[in-house]
Amino acid sequence: MPFGLVDEASASMRLASKRSSAGTESKREYHRAPMKKRTKREAAPEWVSQITALRDRLGINQAELARRLECSAMTISRWERGLLQPSAEHFIQLGNLGNRTEAWFFWEMAGIQPARMVEALGGKSRAKKSAGSLQFEIGAHDGGALAAEKKSNTIGVPLLKAVAGTHGSAGDKRNSLRAIPTLQVLAVPGAWCPNPTYTSLIRVAGKSMQPAIRDHDIVAVDAYQTERGRLYGQIVVVTSEAHGLSVSRLSRYDSVDVLEAEDRQFQPVVLKKSGGWRIVGRVLWSISGIT
């Protein structure tokens, strides 16, 4: 074979080899690509951890909890994996098994409003009486704050370890305020809290509610006041599984309920049945300057 033809044949073989190698690398890259597309799993709803915590505190397994609730162990397993949300009836039953904090968390998830519950048990005056026992419980954790409360006519209100967002700012994913741990207890005038038993403090993140509420302010939330028809025009704390806790002004236009920011550059949120929004309580007042 002539020398020129040998060179051409060798060149052709080298080119074919390079193409084959490139094809192999291309296939390898193709198989690697999906690894880069993995996304972080979304956080489970709060009721998932609350159900598991309740069962652990009771010292029972999923089968025993299923027996008490008259459902299957598979149903309990699906609840605790966040695959299935309990019905309102099951939330009520879970509340019946829990202590005070757990009970109210599950009952609120079932749609029970504190005001309606108190009225059913004998009126608002009973809530006033029960407030004393709760204040005593708070004082016991605060090194004798109860004695100071009686002398100065102040009450201890828990500052919760959570943040509520505003329009454009994310809040903590919480379904209720009752299961949130307390950072500290602040003494405030009793006249500031019409329903002390149901009042707590929470920090706010975001600037869309200025000038009424500023970034890093602390707001007092009255969870006794949750009836939508009585809160139009008021600033409220709301929650949804998608957006978490949020501070907004509840308004009504014709037959449409909306959540509005004080800064009208932010779009209002229409409260649809499918939106999953729930009113946590009315904002009573706010304070600034506490770190």
C-alpha atoms as a PDB file:
ATOM      1  CA  MET A   1       0.000   0.000   0.000  1.00  0.00           C
ATOM      2  CA  PRO A   2       1.361   3.446  -0.901  1.00  0.00           C
ATOM      3  CA  PHE A   3       2.631   5.574   1.993  1.00  0.00           C
ATOM      4  CA  GLY A   4      -0.025   8.275   1.449  1.00  0.00           C
ATOM      5  CA  LEU A   5      -2.853   5.749   1.670  1.00  0.00           C
ATOM      6  CA  VAL A   6      -1.439   4.316   4.897  1.00  0.00           C
ATOM      7  CA  ASP A   7      -1.438   7.809   6.433  1.00  0.00           C
ATOM      8  CA  GLU A   8      -5.022   8.399   5.324  1.00  0.00           C
ATOM      9  CA  ALA A   9      -6.129   5.034   6.755  1.00  0.00           C
ATOM     10  CA  SER A  10      -4.376   5.738  10.051  1.00  0.00           C
ATOM     11  CA  ALA A  11      -5.960   9.167  10.237  1.00  0.00           C
ATOM     12  CA  SER A  12      -9.395   7.699   9.593  1.00  0.00           C
ATOM     13  CA  MET A  13      -8.902   5.135  12.337  1.00  0.00           C
ATOM     14  CA  ARG A  14      -7.766   7.826  14.813  1.00  0.00           C
ATOM     15  CA  LEU A  15     -10.790  10.009  13.938  1.00  0.00           C
ATOM     16  CA  ALA A  16     -13.174   7.083  14.397  1.00  0.00           C
ATOM     17  CA  SER A  17     -11.550   6.290  17.735  1.00  0.00           C
ATOM     18  CA  LYS A  18     -11.963   9.901  18.908  1.00  0.00           C
ATOM     19  CA  ARG A  19     -15.623   9.937  17.842  1.00  0.00           C
ATOM     20  CA  SER A  20     -16.245   6.685  19.688  1.00  0.00           C
ATOM     21  CA  SER A  21     -14.528   8.041  22.803  1.00  0.00           C
ATOM     22  CA  ALA A  22     -16.494  11.285  22.594  1.00  0.00           C
ATOM     23  CA  GLY A  23     -19.719   9.329  22.244  1.00  0.00           C
ATOM     24  CA  THR A  24     -18.849   7.317  25.330  1.00  0.00           C
ATOM     25  CA  GLU A  25     -18.115  10.475  27.330  1.00  0.00           C
ATOM     26  CA  SER A  26     -21.362  11.998  26.100  1.00  0.00           C
ATOM     27  CA  LYS A  27     -23.275   8.966  27.353  1.00  0.00           C
ATOM     28  CA  ARG A  28     -21.474   9.162  30.684  1.00  0.00           C
ATOM     29  CA  GLU A  29     -22.409  12.826  31.042  1.00  0.00           C
ATOM     30  CA  TYR A  30     -25.985  11.952  30.135  1.00  0.00           C
ATOM     31  CA  HIS A  31     -26.123   9.394  32.939  1.00  0.00           C
ATOM     32  CA  ARG A  32     -24.561  11.818  35.442  1.00  0.00           C
ATOM     33  CA  ALA A  33     -26.949  14.684  34.713  1.00  0.00           C
ATOM     34  CA  PRO A  34     -29.936  13.448  36.727  1.00  0.00           C
ATOM     35  CA  MET A  35     -27.808  13.396  39.894  1.00  0.00           C
ATOM     36  CA  LYS A  36     -27.503  17.207  39.733  1.00  0.00           C
ATOM     37  CA  LYS A  37     -31.260  17.666  39.488  1.00  0.00           C
ATOM     38  CA  ARG A  38     -32.134  16.224  42.875  1.00  0.00           C
ATOM     39  CA  THR A  39     -34.021  18.717  45.011  1.00  0.00           C
ATOM     40  CA  LYS A  40     -34.284  18.959  48.764  1.00  0.00           C
ATOM     41  CA  ARG A  41     -37.380  17.291  50.167  1.00  0.00           C
ATOM     42  CA  GLU A  42     -40.023  19.710  51.399  1.00  0.00           C
ATOM     43  CA  ALA A  43     -40.493  19.989  55.144  1.00  0.00           C
ATOM     44  CA  ALA A  44     -43.360  17.955  56.576  1.00  0.00           C
ATOM     45  CA  PRO A  45     -46.447  19.782  57.935  1.00  0.00           C
ATOM     46  CA  GLU A  46     -46.352  20.648  61.627  1.00  0.00           C
ATOM     47  CA  TRP A  47     -49.124  18.210  62.521  1.00  0.00           C
ATOM     48  CA  VAL A  48     -46.836  15.339  61.475  1.00  0.00           C
ATOM     49  CA  SER A  49     -44.331  16.026  64.254  1.00  0.00           C
ATOM     50  CA  GLN A  50     -47.122  16.801  66.719  1.00  0.00           C
ATOM     51  CA  ILE A  51     -48.787  13.415  66.172  1.00  0.00           C
ATOM     52  CA  THR A  52     -45.471  11.601  66.558  1.00  0.00           C
ATOM     53  CA  ALA A  53     -44.645  13.622  69.698  1.00  0.00           C
ATOM     54  CA  LEU A  54     -48.066  12.836  71.192  1.00  0.00           C
ATOM     55  CA  ARG A  55     -47.622   9.114  70.571  1.00  0.00           C
ATOM     56  CA  ASP A  56     -44.100   9.178  72.037  1.00  0.00           C
ATOM     57  CA  ARG A  57     -45.294  11.026  75.138  1.00  0.00           C
ATOM     58  CA  LEU A  58     -48.080   8.494  75.632  1.00  0.00           C
ATOM     59  CA  GLY A  59     -45.535   5.692  75.208  1.00  0.00           C
ATOM     60  CA  ILE A  60     -47.576   3.768  72.650  1.00  0.00           C
ATOM     61  CA  ASN A  61     -46.882   2.407  69.173  1.00  0.00           C
ATOM     62  CA  GLN A  62     -48.785   3.147  65.977  1.00  0.00           C
ATOM     63  CA  ALA A  63     -50.990   0.089  66.385  1.00  0.00           C
ATOM     64  CA  GLU A  64     -52.131   1.169  69.859  1.00  0.00           C
ATOM     65  CA  LEU A  65     -52.836   4.733  68.713  1.00  0.00           C
ATOM     66  CA  ALA A  66     -54.822   3.294  65.807  1.00  0.00           C
ATOM     67  CA  ARG A  67     -56.841   1.177  68.254  1.00  0.00           C
ATOM     68  CA  ARG A  68     -57.683   4.213  70.387  1.00  0.00           C
ATOM     69  CA  LEU A  69     -58.740   6.242  67.355  1.00  0.00           C
ATOM     70  CA  GLU A  70     -60.562   3.321  65.723  1.00  0.00           C
ATOM     71  CA  CYS A  71     -58.576   3.435  62.500  1.00  0.00           C
ATOM     72  CA  SER A  72     -55.837   1.309  60.913  1.00  0.00           C
ATOM     73  CA  ALA A  73     -52.149   1.314  61.813  1.00  0.00           C
ATOM     74  CA  MET A  74     -51.469   2.087  58.144  1.00  0.00           C
ATOM     75  CA  THR A  75     -53.473   5.310  58.542  1.00  0.00           C
ATOM     76  CA  ILE A  76     -51.302   6.353  61.503  1.00  0.00           C
ATOM     77  CA  SER A  77     -48.192   5.534  59.490  1.00  0.00           C
ATOM     78  CA  ARG A  78     -49.391   7.710  56.618  1.00  0.00           C
ATOM     79  CA  TRP A  79     -50.116  10.572  59.022  1.00  0.00           C
ATOM     80  CA  GLU A  80     -46.636  10.414  60.510  1.00  0.00           C
ATOM     81  CA  ARG A  81     -45.042  10.338  57.063  1.00  0.00           C
ATOM     82  CA  GLY A  82     -47.092  13.329  55.902  1.00  0.00           C
ATOM     83  CA  LEU A  83     -48.836  11.335  53.181  1.00  0.00           C
ATOM     84  CA  LEU A  84     -52.335  11.761  54.578  1.00  0.00           C
ATOM     85  CA  GLN A  85     -53.836  14.550  56.696  1.00  0.00           C
ATOM     86  CA  PRO A  86     -56.176  13.492  59.511  1.00  0.00           C
ATOM     87  CA  SER A  87     -59.830  14.383  59.197  1.00  0.00           C
ATOM     88  CA  ALA A  88     -61.382  16.976  61.512  1.00  0.00           C
ATOM     89  CA  GLU A  89     -62.906  14.152  63.568  1.00  0.00           C
ATOM     90  CA  HIS A  90     -59.513  12.507  64.022  1.00  0.00           C
ATOM     91  CA  PHE A  91     -57.897  15.833  64.970  1.00  0.00           C
ATOM     92  CA  ILE A  92     -60.532  16.204  67.702  1.00  0.00           C
ATOM     93  CA  GLN A  93     -59.821  12.677  68.927  1.00  0.00           C
ATOM     94  CA  LEU A  94     -56.076  13.392  68.972  1.00  0.00           C
ATOM     95  CA  GLY A  95     -56.778  16.515  71.009  1.00  0.00           C
ATOM     96  CA  ASN A  96     -58.767  14.481  73.494  1.00  0.00           C
ATOM     97  CA  LEU A  97     -55.687  12.314  74.084  1.00  0.00           C
ATOM     98  CA  GLY A  98     -53.329  15.242  74.609  1.00  0.00           C
ATOM     99  CA  ASN A  99     -52.457  17.673  77.367  1.00  0.00           C
ATOM    100  CA  ARG A 100     -53.633  21.302  77.251  1.00  0.00           C
ATOM    101  CA  THR A 101     -51.106  22.480  74.655  1.00  0.00           C
ATOM    102  CA  GLU A 102     -51.474  19.404  72.458  1.00  0.00           C
ATOM    103  CA  ALA A 103     -55.258  19.462  72.743  1.00  0.00           C
ATOM    104  CA  TRP A 104     -55.634  23.024  71.536  1.00  0.00           C
ATOM    105  CA  PHE A 105     -53.218  22.457  68.680  1.00  0.00           C
ATOM    106  CA  PHE A 106     -55.244  19.517  67.335  1.00  0.00           C
ATOM    107  CA  TRP A 107     -58.606  21.166  68.038  1.00  0.00           C
ATOM    108  CA  GLU A 108     -57.577  24.274  66.123  1.00  0.00           C
ATOM    109  CA  MET A 109     -56.493  22.037  63.244  1.00  0.00           C
ATOM    110  CA  ALA A 110     -60.025  20.624  63.337  1.00  0.00           C
ATOM    111  CA  GLY A 111     -61.396  24.148  62.930  1.00  0.00           C
ATOM    112  CA  ILE A 112     -62.591  24.659  66.516  1.00  0.00           C
ATOM    113  CA  GLN A 113     -62.423  28.322  67.524  1.00  0.00           C
ATOM    114  CA  PRO A 114     -61.468  29.132  71.132  1.00  0.00           C
ATOM    115  CA  ALA A 115     -64.255  31.705  71.447  1.00  0.00           C
ATOM    116  CA  ARG A 116     -66.887  29.205  70.359  1.00  0.00           C
ATOM    117  CA  MET A 117     -65.497  26.593  72.739  1.00  0.00           C
ATOM    118  CA  VAL A 118     -65.616  28.971  75.714  1.00  0.00           C
ATOM    119  CA  GLU A 119     -69.148  30.066  74.870  1.00  0.00           C
ATOM    120  CA  ALA A 120     -70.217  26.435  74.737  1.00  0.00           C
ATOM    121  CA  LEU A 121     -68.667  25.836  78.169  1.00  0.00           C
ATOM    122  CA  GLY A 122     -70.457  28.700  79.849  1.00  0.00           C
ATOM    123  CA  GLY A 123     -69.471  32.060  78.443  1.00  0.00           C
ATOM    124  CA  LYS A 124     -66.533  34.410  78.386  1.00  0.00           C
ATOM    125  CA  SER A 125     -66.509  34.821  82.178  1.00  0.00           C
ATOM    126  CA  ARG A 126     -65.223  31.281  82.510  1.00  0.00           C
ATOM    127  CA  ALA A 127     -62.318  32.170  80.241  1.00  0.00           C
ATOM    128  CA  LYS A 128     -61.457  34.999  82.616  1.00  0.00           C
ATOM    129  CA  LYS A 129     -61.439  32.573  85.547  1.00  0.00           C
ATOM    130  CA  SER A 130     -59.336  30.007  83.737  1.00  0.00           C
ATOM    131  CA  ALA A 131     -56.835  32.742  82.879  1.00  0.00           C
ATOM    132  CA  GLY A 132     -55.678  32.781  86.490  1.00  0.00           C
ATOM    133  CA  SER A 133     -54.592  29.164  86.412  1.00  0.00           C
ATOM    134  CA  LEU A 134     -52.670  29.680  83.196  1.00  0.00           C
ATOM    135  CA  GLN A 135     -50.919  32.754  84.574  1.00  0.00           C
ATOM    136  CA  PHE A 136     -49.897  30.696  87.579  1.00  0.00           C
ATOM    137  CA  GLU A 137     -48.427  28.085  85.266  1.00  0.00           C
ATOM    138  CA  ILE A 138     -46.443  30.733  83.384  1.00  0.00           C
ATOM    139  CA  GLY A 139     -45.245  32.357  86.607  1.00  0.00           C
ATOM    140  CA  ALA A 140     -44.002  29.036  87.924  1.00  0.00           C
ATOM    141  CA  HIS A 141     -41.589  28.823  85.005  1.00  0.00           C
ATOM    142  CA  ASP A 142     -40.378  32.367  85.505  1.00  0.00           C
ATOM    143  CA  GLY A 143     -38.998  32.237  89.023  1.00  0.00           C
ATOM    144  CA  GLY A 144     -41.921  33.657  91.005  1.00  0.00           C
ATOM    145  CA  ALA A 145     -43.304  36.091  88.446  1.00  0.00           C
ATOM    146  CA  LEU A 146     -46.775  35.380  89.808  1.00  0.00           C
ATOM    147  CA  ALA A 147     -46.121  37.280  93.037  1.00  0.00           C
ATOM    148  CA  ALA A 148     -44.891  40.322  91.119  1.00  0.00           C
ATOM    149  CA  GLU A 149     -47.918  40.033  88.849  1.00  0.00           C
ATOM    150  CA  LYS A 150     -50.339  40.300  91.775  1.00  0.00           C
ATOM    151  CA  LYS A 151     -48.548  43.349  93.207  1.00  0.00           C
ATOM    152  CA  SER A 152     -48.232  45.348  90.003  1.00  0.00           C
ATOM    153  CA  ASN A 153     -51.395  44.252  88.180  1.00  0.00           C
ATOM    154  CA  THR A 154     -49.346  42.911  85.279  1.00  0.00           C
ATOM    155  CA  ILE A 155     -49.525  39.537  83.588  1.00  0.00           C
ATOM    156  CA  GLY A 156     -46.877  37.271  82.114  1.00  0.00           C
ATOM    157  CA  VAL A 157     -47.200  36.816  78.355  1.00  0.00           C
ATOM    158  CA  PRO A 158     -44.981  34.260  76.571  1.00  0.00           C
ATOM    159  CA  LEU A 159     -42.685  35.406  73.769  1.00  0.00           C
ATOM    160  CA  LEU A 160     -42.708  32.524  71.312  1.00  0.00           C
ATOM    161  CA  LYS A 161     -39.745  31.066  69.472  1.00  0.00           C
ATOM    162  CA  ALA A 162     -41.142  31.769  66.017  1.00  0.00           C
ATOM    163  CA  VAL A 163     -41.341  34.482  63.381  1.00  0.00           C
ATOM    164  CA  ALA A 164     -44.350  35.691  61.418  1.00  0.00           C
ATOM    165  CA  GLY A 165     -43.645  37.070  57.977  1.00  0.00           C
ATOM    166  CA  THR A 166     -45.435  39.812  56.070  1.00  0.00           C
ATOM    167  CA  HIS A 167     -46.237  40.203  52.381  1.00  0.00           C
ATOM    168  CA  GLY A 168     -43.006  39.392  50.574  1.00  0.00           C
ATOM    169  CA  SER A 169     -41.293  37.879  53.638  1.00  0.00           C
ATOM    170  CA  ALA A 170     -41.504  34.259  54.729  1.00  0.00           C
ATOM    171  CA  GLY A 171     -42.699  33.192  58.164  1.00  0.00           C
ATOM    172  CA  ASP A 172     -42.167  29.991  60.109  1.00  0.00           C
ATOM    173  CA  LYS A 173     -44.235  27.014  58.964  1.00  0.00           C
ATOM    174  CA  ARG A 174     -46.553  26.685  61.937  1.00  0.00           C
ATOM    175  CA  ASN A 175     -50.221  25.692  62.021  1.00  0.00           C
ATOM    176  CA  SER A 176     -50.855  27.021  65.511  1.00  0.00           C
ATOM    177  CA  LEU A 177     -49.191  29.183  68.141  1.00  0.00           C
ATOM    178  CA  ARG A 178     -49.935  26.793  70.978  1.00  0.00           C
ATOM    179  CA  ALA A 179     -47.243  24.231  70.211  1.00  0.00           C
ATOM    180  CA  ILE A 180     -44.421  26.775  69.794  1.00  0.00           C
ATOM    181  CA  PRO A 181     -41.791  26.838  72.580  1.00  0.00           C
ATOM    182  CA  THR A 182     -41.485  29.929  74.775  1.00  0.00           C
ATOM    183  CA  LEU A 183     -38.301  31.998  74.699  1.00  0.00           C
ATOM    184  CA  GLN A 184     -39.141  34.117  77.727  1.00  0.00           C
ATOM    185  CA  VAL A 185     -42.096  35.580  79.589  1.00  0.00           C
ATOM    186  CA  LEU A 186     -42.659  39.336  79.431  1.00  0.00           C
ATOM    187  CA  ALA A 187     -44.645  41.282  82.015  1.00  0.00           C
ATOM    188  CA  VAL A 188     -47.265  43.574  80.453  1.00  0.00           C
ATOM    189  CA  PRO A 189     -50.238  45.505  81.874  1.00  0.00           C
ATOM    190  CA  GLY A 190     -53.246  43.265  82.269  1.00  0.00           C
ATOM    191  CA  ALA A 191     -55.452  45.884  80.601  1.00  0.00           C
ATOM    192  CA  TRP A 192     -53.573  45.319  77.356  1.00  0.00           C
ATOM    193  CA  CYS A 193     -54.799  41.730  77.067  1.00  0.00           C
ATOM    194  CA  PRO A 194     -58.568  41.180  77.138  1.00  0.00           C
ATOM    195  CA  ASN A 195     -58.033  37.400  76.940  1.00  0.00           C
ATOM    196  CA  PRO A 196     -54.776  36.664  78.777  1.00  0.00           C
ATOM    197  CA  THR A 197     -55.108  32.887  78.484  1.00  0.00           C
ATOM    198  CA  TYR A 198     -55.044  33.123  74.704  1.00  0.00           C
ATOM    199  CA  THR A 199     -52.473  35.917  74.285  1.00  0.00           C
ATOM    200  CA  SER A 200     -48.876  35.390  73.181  1.00  0.00           C
ATOM    201  CA  LEU A 201     -46.087  37.421  71.589  1.00  0.00           C
ATOM    202  CA  ILE A 202     -44.358  36.734  68.292  1.00  0.00           C
ATOM    203  CA  ARG A 203     -41.671  38.559  66.324  1.00  0.00           C
ATOM    204  CA  VAL A 204     -42.374  39.915  62.835  1.00  0.00           C
ATOM    205  CA  ALA A 205     -40.089  39.866  59.781  1.00  0.00           C
ATOM    206  CA  GLY A 206     -40.643  42.129  56.788  1.00  0.00           C
ATOM    207  CA  LYS A 207     -41.418  45.755  55.969  1.00  0.00           C
ATOM    208  CA  SER A 208     -44.695  45.553  54.063  1.00  0.00           C
ATOM    209  CA  MET A 209     -46.808  46.297  57.180  1.00  0.00           C
ATOM    210  CA  GLN A 210     -45.030  49.601  57.921  1.00  0.00           C
ATOM    211  CA  PRO A 211     -45.759  52.039  59.447  1.00  0.00           C
ATOM    212  CA  ALA A 212     -48.252  50.057  61.562  1.00  0.00           C
ATOM    213  CA  ILE A 213     -45.804  47.212  62.237  1.00  0.00           C
ATOM    214  CA  ARG A 214     -42.092  47.419  61.494  1.00  0.00           C
ATOM    215  CA  ASP A 215     -39.493  44.808  60.719  1.00  0.00           C
ATOM    216  CA  HIS A 216     -38.391  42.980  63.925  1.00  0.00           C
ATOM    217  CA  ASP A 217     -41.322  44.339  65.958  1.00  0.00           C
ATOM    218  CA  ILE A 218     -43.032  42.044  68.446  1.00  0.00           C
ATOM    219  CA  VAL A 219     -46.809  41.755  68.198  1.00  0.00           C
ATOM    220  CA  ALA A 220     -49.316  40.508  70.770  1.00  0.00           C
ATOM    221  CA  VAL A 221     -51.700  37.970  69.248  1.00  0.00           C
ATOM    222  CA  ASP A 222     -55.086  37.179  70.793  1.00  0.00           C
ATOM    223  CA  ALA A 223     -55.958  33.643  69.637  1.00  0.00           C
ATOM    224  CA  TYR A 224     -59.394  33.980  71.223  1.00  0.00           C
ATOM    225  CA  GLN A 225     -60.427  36.336  68.408  1.00  0.00           C
ATOM    226  CA  THR A 226     -60.562  34.267  65.225  1.00  0.00           C
ATOM    227  CA  GLU A 227     -64.062  34.790  63.841  1.00  0.00           C
ATOM    228  CA  ARG A 228     -63.560  36.319  60.429  1.00  0.00           C
ATOM    229  CA  GLY A 229     -66.769  38.350  60.433  1.00  0.00           C
ATOM    230  CA  ARG A 230     -65.616  40.301  63.503  1.00  0.00           C
ATOM    231  CA  LEU A 231     -62.126  41.040  62.249  1.00  0.00           C
ATOM    232  CA  TYR A 232     -62.628  42.983  59.009  1.00  0.00           C
ATOM    233  CA  GLY A 233     -60.358  46.009  59.007  1.00  0.00           C
ATOM    234  CA  GLN A 234     -58.155  44.525  61.740  1.00  0.00           C
ATOM    235  CA  ILE A 235     -54.543  43.341  61.563  1.00  0.00           C
ATOM    236  CA  VAL A 236     -54.400  39.596  62.062  1.00  0.00           C
ATOM    237  CA  VAL A 237     -51.944  36.721  62.100  1.00  0.00           C
ATOM    238  CA  VAL A 238     -52.830  34.027  59.586  1.00  0.00           C
ATOM    239  CA  THR A 239     -51.201  30.777  58.554  1.00  0.00           C
ATOM    240  CA  SER A 240     -51.129  28.309  55.688  1.00  0.00           C
ATOM    241  CA  GLU A 241     -49.005  25.256  55.010  1.00  0.00           C
ATOM    242  CA  ALA A 242     -47.607  26.910  51.889  1.00  0.00           C
ATOM    243  CA  HIS A 243     -46.696  30.321  53.362  1.00  0.00           C
ATOM    244  CA  GLY A 244     -46.434  29.778  57.117  1.00  0.00           C
ATOM    245  CA  LEU A 245     -47.283  32.457  59.684  1.00  0.00           C
ATOM    246  CA  SER A 246     -47.989  35.901  58.267  1.00  0.00           C
ATOM    247  CA  VAL A 247     -49.172  39.298  59.522  1.00  0.00           C
ATOM    248  CA  SER A 248     -51.688  41.130  57.355  1.00  0.00           C
ATOM    249  CA  ARG A 249     -54.800  43.307  57.394  1.00  0.00           C
ATOM    250  CA  LEU A 250     -58.053  41.458  56.796  1.00  0.00           C
ATOM    251  CA  SER A 251     -60.430  43.330  54.481  1.00  0.00           C
ATOM    252  CA  ARG A 252     -63.647  42.562  52.666  1.00  0.00           C
ATOM    253  CA  TYR A 253     -64.757  43.929  49.289  1.00  0.00           C
ATOM    254  CA  ASP A 254     -68.284  42.968  48.273  1.00  0.00           C
ATOM    255  CA  SER A 255     -68.217  39.223  48.997  1.00  0.00           C
ATOM    256  CA  VAL A 256     -64.455  38.763  48.679  1.00  0.00           C
ATOM    257  CA  ASP A 257     -62.125  38.517  51.682  1.00  0.00           C
ATOM    258  CA  VAL A 258     -58.523  39.589  51.146  1.00  0.00           C
ATOM    259  CA  LEU A 259     -55.284  39.947  53.100  1.00  0.00           C
ATOM    260  CA  GLU A 260     -53.638  43.318  52.471  1.00  0.00           C
ATOM    261  CA  ALA A 261     -50.288  44.881  53.250  1.00  0.00           C
ATOM    262  CA  GLU A 262     -50.046  48.436  54.555  1.00  0.00           C
ATOM    263  CA  ASP A 263     -47.628  49.087  51.693  1.00  0.00           C
ATOM    264  CA  ARG A 264     -49.930  48.883  48.679  1.00  0.00           C
ATOM    265  CA  GLN A 265     -47.041  48.022  46.352  1.00  0.00           C
ATOM    266  CA  PHE A 266     -47.580  44.445  47.522  1.00  0.00           C
ATOM    267  CA  GLN A 267     -50.394  42.480  45.919  1.00  0.00           C
ATOM    268  CA  PRO A 268     -53.265  41.426  48.209  1.00  0.00           C
ATOM    269  CA  VAL A 269     -54.059  37.761  48.751  1.00  0.00           C
ATOM    270  CA  VAL A 270     -57.599  36.588  48.040  1.00  0.00           C
ATOM    271  CA  LEU A 271     -58.871  34.177  50.700  1.00  0.00           C
ATOM    272  CA  LYS A 272     -60.267  31.255  48.743  1.00  0.00           C
ATOM    273  CA  LYS A 273     -61.509  28.029  50.304  1.00  0.00           C
ATOM    274  CA  SER A 274     -58.820  26.147  48.415  1.00  0.00           C
ATOM    275  CA  GLY A 275     -56.053  28.473  49.623  1.00  0.00           C
ATOM    276  CA  GLY A 276     -55.639  26.797  52.990  1.00  0.00           C
ATOM    277  CA  TRP A 277     -55.409  30.074  54.942  1.00  0.00           C
ATOM    278  CA  ARG A 278     -56.590  30.116  58.566  1.00  0.00           C
ATOM    279  CA  ILE A 279     -56.822  33.007  61.026  1.00  0.00           C
ATOM    280  CA  VAL A 280     -54.612  32.413  64.071  1.00  0.00           C
ATOM    281  CA  GLY A 281     -55.676  35.501  66.000  1.00  0.00           C
ATOM    282  CA  ARG A 282     -56.028  39.263  66.110  1.00  0.00           C
ATOM    283  CA  VAL A 283     -53.005  41.522  66.622  1.00  0.00           C
ATOM    284  CA  LEU A 284     -53.687  43.614  69.730  1.00  0.00           C
ATOM    285  CA  TRP A 285     -50.596  45.834  69.777  1.00  0.00           C
ATOM    286  CA  SER A 286     -46.920  45.859  68.869  1.00  0.00           C
ATOM    287  CA  ILE A 287     -43.702  46.825  70.639  1.00  0.00           C
ATOM    288  CA  SER A 288     -40.254  47.692  69.281  1.00  0.00           C
ATOM    289  CA  GLY A 289     -36.735  47.725  70.613  1.00  0.00           C
ATOM    290  CA  ILE A 290     -36.598  44.277  72.261  1.00  0.00           C
ATOM    291  CA  THR A 291     -33.687  42.155  71.018  1.00  0.00           C
END
